[in-house]
Protein backbone atom coordinates (compact mmCIF):
# COMPACT_ATOMS: atom_id res chain seq x y z
CA MET A 1 -119.63 -108.64 -68.76
CA THR A 2 -118.59 -105.06 -69.21
CA ARG A 3 -121.10 -102.28 -70.25
CA GLU A 4 -119.30 -101.91 -73.62
CA ILE A 5 -119.42 -105.47 -74.32
CA ARG A 6 -122.96 -105.78 -73.61
CA ARG A 7 -123.72 -102.59 -75.42
CA ARG A 8 -122.13 -104.01 -78.93
CA ALA A 9 -123.66 -107.49 -78.24
CA LEU A 10 -126.92 -105.91 -77.78
CA GLY A 11 -126.34 -103.63 -80.64
CA VAL A 12 -125.81 -106.63 -83.16
CA ALA A 13 -128.81 -108.70 -81.80
CA LEU A 14 -131.11 -105.32 -82.53
CA THR A 15 -129.69 -104.78 -85.89
CA ALA A 16 -130.10 -108.29 -86.75
CA ALA A 17 -133.87 -108.58 -85.80
CA VAL A 18 -134.80 -105.62 -87.57
CA LEU A 19 -133.07 -106.67 -90.92
CA CYS A 20 -134.42 -109.98 -90.82
CA ALA A 21 -137.90 -108.43 -90.34
CA CYS A 22 -137.57 -106.06 -93.31
CA SER A 23 -139.24 -106.70 -96.56
CA PRO A 24 -137.06 -106.69 -99.81
CA GLN A 25 -138.67 -103.23 -100.62
CA GLU A 26 -137.78 -101.76 -97.13
CA SER A 27 -134.19 -100.24 -96.52
CA ALA A 28 -131.49 -101.93 -94.99
CA GLU A 29 -130.92 -98.80 -92.98
CA VAL A 30 -134.20 -99.33 -91.03
CA SER A 31 -133.20 -99.18 -87.05
CA ILE A 32 -135.24 -98.22 -83.95
CA TYR A 33 -132.64 -95.58 -83.35
CA GLY A 34 -133.99 -92.57 -85.39
CA ALA A 35 -135.39 -92.43 -88.73
CA ALA A 36 -131.76 -92.59 -90.51
CA ALA A 37 -129.59 -94.28 -87.76
CA GLY A 38 -128.56 -97.02 -89.89
CA LEU A 39 -126.17 -99.92 -88.49
CA GLN A 40 -124.98 -97.92 -85.26
CA ASP A 41 -124.47 -99.79 -82.19
CA PRO A 42 -127.39 -99.35 -79.98
CA ALA A 43 -126.48 -98.15 -76.55
CA SER A 44 -127.28 -100.24 -73.87
CA SER A 45 -126.89 -101.59 -70.83
CA ASP A 46 -125.96 -104.23 -68.01
CA PRO A 47 -127.68 -106.85 -65.97
CA ALA A 48 -131.43 -106.49 -64.66
CA SER A 49 -132.75 -103.39 -63.26
CA SER A 50 -133.74 -103.65 -59.57
CA ASP A 51 -136.20 -100.53 -60.27
CA PRO A 52 -137.61 -101.15 -63.68
CA ALA A 53 -139.57 -97.85 -63.47
CA SER A 54 -136.83 -95.72 -62.82
CA SER A 55 -136.00 -92.53 -64.90
CA ASP A 56 -132.18 -92.46 -63.74
CA PRO A 57 -130.13 -92.76 -67.02
CA ALA A 58 -127.41 -94.37 -64.92
CA GLN A 59 -129.73 -97.32 -64.06
CA PRO A 60 -128.86 -100.44 -66.01
CA VAL A 61 -131.39 -101.51 -68.52
CA PRO A 62 -132.44 -105.32 -68.28
CA VAL A 63 -132.36 -107.44 -71.54
CA LEU A 64 -135.27 -110.04 -71.28
CA ARG A 65 -136.51 -113.10 -73.42
CA PRO A 66 -139.97 -114.57 -73.61
CA GLU A 67 -140.53 -117.89 -71.57
CA VAL A 68 -143.41 -119.55 -73.39
CA LEU A 69 -145.90 -120.95 -71.20
CA ALA A 70 -148.64 -122.05 -73.74
CA GLU A 71 -149.67 -121.41 -77.10
CA VAL A 72 -153.23 -120.35 -78.21
CA PRO A 73 -154.43 -120.43 -81.65
CA HIS A 74 -154.56 -117.19 -83.68
CA ASP A 75 -156.35 -116.44 -86.96
CA SER A 76 -153.52 -116.47 -89.61
CA SER A 77 -155.45 -114.20 -91.94
CA ALA A 78 -155.53 -111.35 -88.95
CA PHE A 79 -153.34 -108.45 -89.83
CA THR A 80 -152.70 -107.88 -85.93
CA GLN A 81 -152.70 -104.16 -85.12
CA GLY A 82 -154.00 -103.86 -81.41
CA LEU A 83 -154.48 -106.51 -78.89
CA GLN A 84 -156.02 -106.27 -75.37
CA VAL A 85 -157.39 -108.32 -72.57
CA HIS A 86 -160.22 -106.59 -70.57
CA GLU A 87 -162.53 -108.40 -68.03
CA GLY A 88 -161.80 -111.75 -69.17
CA THR A 89 -162.31 -110.74 -73.17
CA LEU A 90 -159.67 -110.32 -75.78
CA TYR A 91 -159.73 -107.62 -77.91
CA GLU A 92 -158.08 -107.32 -81.52
CA GLY A 93 -157.97 -104.40 -83.96
CA THR A 94 -157.02 -105.66 -87.28
CA GLY A 95 -155.57 -103.52 -90.50
CA LEU A 96 -155.34 -103.40 -94.26
CA GLU A 97 -157.74 -101.47 -96.39
CA GLY A 98 -161.08 -102.89 -96.96
CA ARG A 99 -160.27 -105.40 -94.38
CA SER A 100 -159.76 -103.67 -90.99
CA GLU A 101 -161.83 -105.05 -88.26
CA LEU A 102 -162.59 -104.72 -84.41
CA ARG A 103 -162.52 -108.23 -82.98
CA GLU A 104 -163.78 -109.80 -79.79
CA LEU A 105 -162.13 -113.13 -78.88
CA ASP A 106 -162.06 -115.73 -76.55
CA PRO A 107 -158.52 -115.49 -74.85
CA ALA A 108 -158.07 -119.32 -74.10
CA THR A 109 -159.13 -120.41 -77.38
CA GLY A 110 -158.47 -117.59 -79.89
CA GLN A 111 -161.73 -118.16 -81.46
CA VAL A 112 -163.48 -114.98 -82.66
CA ARG A 113 -166.89 -114.17 -81.01
CA ARG A 114 -167.71 -111.15 -82.90
CA ALA A 115 -166.16 -109.15 -85.43
CA GLU A 116 -167.07 -105.72 -86.93
CA PRO A 117 -165.59 -104.14 -90.01
CA LEU A 118 -164.29 -100.69 -90.31
CA PRO A 119 -165.93 -98.18 -92.51
CA GLY A 120 -164.83 -97.95 -96.02
CA GLN A 121 -161.44 -98.35 -96.78
CA LEU A 122 -160.03 -97.15 -93.38
CA PHE A 123 -156.76 -98.87 -92.50
CA GLY A 124 -157.11 -100.11 -88.74
CA GLU A 125 -154.30 -99.73 -86.12
CA GLY A 126 -154.15 -99.92 -82.49
CA ILE A 127 -156.96 -100.13 -79.74
CA ALA A 128 -157.44 -99.55 -76.39
CA VAL A 129 -160.29 -100.07 -73.99
CA ALA A 130 -161.46 -97.10 -71.75
CA GLY A 131 -164.37 -97.58 -69.78
CA ASP A 132 -167.42 -98.24 -71.80
CA ARG A 133 -165.45 -97.17 -75.14
CA ILE A 134 -162.84 -98.77 -77.30
CA TRP A 135 -160.68 -96.43 -79.29
CA GLN A 136 -159.20 -97.54 -82.61
CA LEU A 137 -156.63 -95.87 -84.50
CA THR A 138 -156.45 -95.54 -88.13
CA TRP A 139 -153.15 -95.51 -89.90
CA ARG A 140 -152.99 -92.17 -92.30
CA ASP A 141 -156.99 -91.60 -92.40
CA GLY A 142 -156.93 -88.80 -90.07
CA VAL A 143 -159.33 -90.10 -87.86
CA VAL A 144 -159.68 -92.47 -84.58
CA LEU A 145 -162.92 -94.34 -84.23
CA GLN A 146 -164.84 -94.73 -80.86
CA TRP A 147 -166.85 -97.93 -80.39
CA ASP A 148 -169.34 -99.05 -77.84
CA ARG A 149 -167.83 -101.66 -75.90
CA ALA A 150 -170.83 -103.71 -74.94
CA THR A 151 -172.43 -103.73 -78.60
CA LEU A 152 -169.38 -103.18 -80.81
CA THR A 153 -171.21 -100.56 -82.56
CA LEU A 154 -169.47 -97.57 -83.98
CA ARG A 155 -170.13 -94.25 -81.84
CA GLN A 156 -168.21 -91.79 -83.79
CA GLN A 157 -164.99 -90.95 -85.69
CA VAL A 158 -162.94 -88.06 -84.21
CA PRO A 159 -160.31 -86.09 -86.06
CA MET A 160 -156.68 -87.07 -85.36
CA ASP A 161 -153.27 -85.51 -86.24
CA GLY A 162 -150.88 -87.57 -87.45
CA GLU A 163 -150.23 -91.22 -88.04
CA GLY A 164 -151.81 -94.05 -85.77
CA TRP A 165 -150.01 -96.97 -85.08
CA GLY A 166 -150.30 -98.17 -81.15
CA LEU A 167 -152.51 -97.13 -78.48
CA CYS A 168 -153.00 -98.14 -74.89
CA PHE A 169 -154.84 -96.63 -71.65
CA ASP A 170 -153.15 -96.27 -68.46
CA GLY A 171 -156.31 -95.78 -66.25
CA THR A 172 -156.14 -91.94 -66.73
CA ARG A 173 -154.80 -91.19 -70.28
CA LEU A 174 -154.62 -92.66 -73.53
CA VAL A 175 -151.09 -93.35 -74.79
CA ARG A 176 -150.29 -93.29 -78.59
CA SER A 177 -147.44 -94.07 -81.07
CA ASP A 178 -147.24 -92.49 -84.18
CA GLY A 179 -143.93 -94.18 -85.64
CA THR A 180 -141.85 -91.26 -84.46
CA ASP A 181 -139.79 -91.43 -81.31
CA ARG A 182 -142.65 -89.74 -79.20
CA LEU A 183 -145.52 -91.06 -77.00
CA ARG A 184 -148.62 -88.85 -77.42
CA PHE A 185 -151.05 -88.75 -74.67
CA HIS A 186 -155.00 -88.04 -74.91
CA ASP A 187 -157.89 -87.44 -73.21
CA PRO A 188 -160.02 -90.91 -72.88
CA VAL A 189 -163.28 -89.09 -73.55
CA THR A 190 -162.50 -86.51 -76.18
CA PHE A 191 -159.33 -88.04 -77.67
CA ASP A 192 -157.86 -84.39 -77.24
CA GLU A 193 -153.93 -84.53 -77.30
CA THR A 194 -152.75 -83.31 -73.88
CA GLY A 195 -148.94 -83.74 -74.33
CA SER A 196 -146.18 -85.96 -75.49
CA VAL A 197 -142.75 -87.29 -74.18
CA PRO A 198 -139.68 -88.41 -76.57
CA VAL A 199 -138.59 -91.80 -76.13
CA THR A 200 -134.78 -92.56 -75.70
CA PHE A 201 -132.55 -95.55 -75.24
CA ASP A 202 -129.35 -94.53 -73.54
CA GLY A 203 -129.87 -91.00 -74.75
CA GLU A 204 -130.72 -92.14 -78.47
CA PRO A 205 -134.17 -91.41 -79.99
CA VAL A 206 -136.29 -94.98 -80.31
CA THR A 207 -138.55 -94.81 -83.36
CA GLN A 208 -141.11 -96.94 -85.05
CA LEU A 209 -143.01 -97.74 -81.86
CA ASN A 210 -146.10 -99.89 -82.93
CA GLU A 211 -148.41 -101.70 -80.80
CA LEU A 212 -148.61 -100.70 -77.21
CA GLU A 213 -149.80 -101.91 -73.67
CA CYS A 214 -149.94 -99.78 -70.72
CA VAL A 215 -149.04 -101.95 -67.31
CA ASP A 216 -148.57 -100.91 -63.90
CA GLY A 217 -147.29 -97.14 -64.77
CA GLN A 218 -145.15 -98.40 -67.82
CA VAL A 219 -145.66 -98.83 -71.66
CA TRP A 220 -144.85 -101.79 -73.55
CA ALA A 221 -144.04 -101.28 -77.30
CA ASN A 222 -143.41 -103.43 -80.14
CA VAL A 223 -140.65 -102.23 -82.49
CA TRP A 224 -141.62 -102.31 -86.00
CA PRO A 225 -140.53 -104.44 -87.93
CA SER A 226 -138.44 -106.34 -85.47
CA ASP A 227 -138.73 -108.88 -82.95
CA ALA A 228 -138.03 -106.64 -80.30
CA LEU A 229 -140.11 -105.02 -77.51
CA VAL A 230 -139.32 -102.20 -75.17
CA ARG A 231 -140.65 -100.89 -71.78
CA ILE A 232 -140.75 -97.43 -71.60
CA ASP A 233 -141.27 -95.07 -68.45
CA PRO A 234 -143.77 -92.42 -69.84
CA ALA A 235 -142.72 -89.87 -67.35
CA SER A 236 -139.38 -89.51 -68.92
CA GLY A 237 -139.71 -91.54 -72.00
CA ARG A 238 -136.74 -93.70 -71.08
CA VAL A 239 -136.57 -97.26 -72.27
CA THR A 240 -136.22 -99.51 -68.65
CA ALA A 241 -136.45 -102.91 -70.49
CA LEU A 242 -135.76 -104.56 -73.80
CA VAL A 243 -137.06 -107.82 -74.96
CA ASP A 244 -135.48 -109.91 -77.59
CA ALA A 245 -138.51 -112.13 -78.93
CA ALA A 246 -136.32 -113.47 -81.91
CA GLY A 247 -137.15 -117.02 -82.55
CA LEU A 248 -140.73 -117.12 -80.88
CA LEU A 249 -142.35 -117.97 -83.98
CA ASP A 250 -141.30 -120.95 -85.76
CA PRO A 251 -139.73 -119.39 -89.36
CA GLU A 252 -141.78 -122.02 -91.21
CA GLN A 253 -144.80 -120.37 -89.78
CA ARG A 254 -144.08 -116.87 -90.75
CA MET A 255 -145.89 -116.73 -94.27
CA ASN A 256 -144.34 -113.32 -95.59
CA ALA A 257 -142.22 -110.20 -94.70
CA ASP A 258 -145.28 -108.83 -93.21
CA ALA A 259 -145.83 -111.23 -90.71
CA VAL A 260 -143.83 -109.52 -87.68
CA LEU A 261 -144.43 -109.58 -84.17
CA ASN A 262 -146.99 -106.93 -83.38
CA GLY A 263 -149.47 -107.68 -80.45
CA ILE A 264 -148.82 -107.64 -76.50
CA ALA A 265 -151.54 -107.93 -74.09
CA ALA A 266 -151.33 -108.16 -70.27
CA LEU A 267 -152.75 -111.07 -68.72
CA GLY A 268 -152.03 -110.31 -65.18
CA ASN A 269 -149.37 -112.34 -62.68
CA ASP A 270 -146.74 -111.11 -65.06
CA GLU A 271 -147.98 -113.10 -67.89
CA TYR A 272 -148.56 -111.56 -71.49
CA LEU A 273 -149.84 -112.64 -74.72
CA LEU A 274 -147.69 -112.19 -77.86
CA THR A 275 -148.72 -112.67 -81.16
CA GLY A 276 -148.09 -110.91 -84.66
CA LYS A 277 -149.31 -110.05 -87.88
CA LEU A 278 -150.82 -113.16 -89.82
CA TRP A 279 -149.49 -115.60 -87.25
CA PRO A 280 -151.04 -118.84 -86.96
CA VAL A 281 -150.57 -118.98 -83.02
CA SER A 282 -150.33 -116.64 -80.03
CA PHE A 283 -147.91 -117.25 -76.96
CA ARG A 284 -148.66 -116.96 -73.44
CA VAL A 285 -145.33 -115.92 -72.02
CA ARG A 286 -143.35 -114.49 -68.93
CA PHE A 287 -140.51 -112.39 -69.40
CA VAL A 288 -137.19 -113.34 -67.84
CA GLU A 289 -133.63 -112.33 -67.77
CA LYS A 290 -131.79 -113.34 -71.16
């Protein structure tokens, strides 16, 4: 298949994924390519890349799909905003004003072991474990929360500029998305911002990056409100892979337009846990070539 044919086919697939996930109140011009990209064709790619971490713009970008290995129950009332497995424990951050929580779950059963509400009406977003801390973003409240991982006790609230969407820890720094085309880097102790990088796909900006997962030097990102995920080289900001997860959840299980894919947690051995906001199930998957 030629590059141009694959480019147009991928453009149709992504546009459909985004539009099908939009609520009736949202504009039909929502796209992962810039705030006003509309229905333009996404610029992509050829067969799977032999070097997924390459920042070479000429390197082909693989298009993947999730191969389901198992299903795990998930609380269908959880408005999932952050997901991470650390030392055998699954942590989940949930959102909505007055309903946001930090949760500790059994990764094998999905059962909630502990849950702590966020203060007041804070709208919770992405989470990241960094040593003995768990950082939890808020959406538009201008603060990030630092929790004690052992006790799930709130340690402090730290001022934060801009919106909070997704968060992950790469072992050295925290990586944050904020709804724009940038990944922002933060100190894992103070949360001071230390830099940022614009995210691009074949030279075009990629916006609406939501829940994040740092894995092997790359950053996986859900693309709100679609069924797509992208893998990003944080050194260059270039997208190095795309996952089309359309059809992962049975449409009859999608309770409303807000129930979109938004949760990825690395399990090791190239396996991941995927779930979404208000989804009744999580999926243990492996990414394979589409």
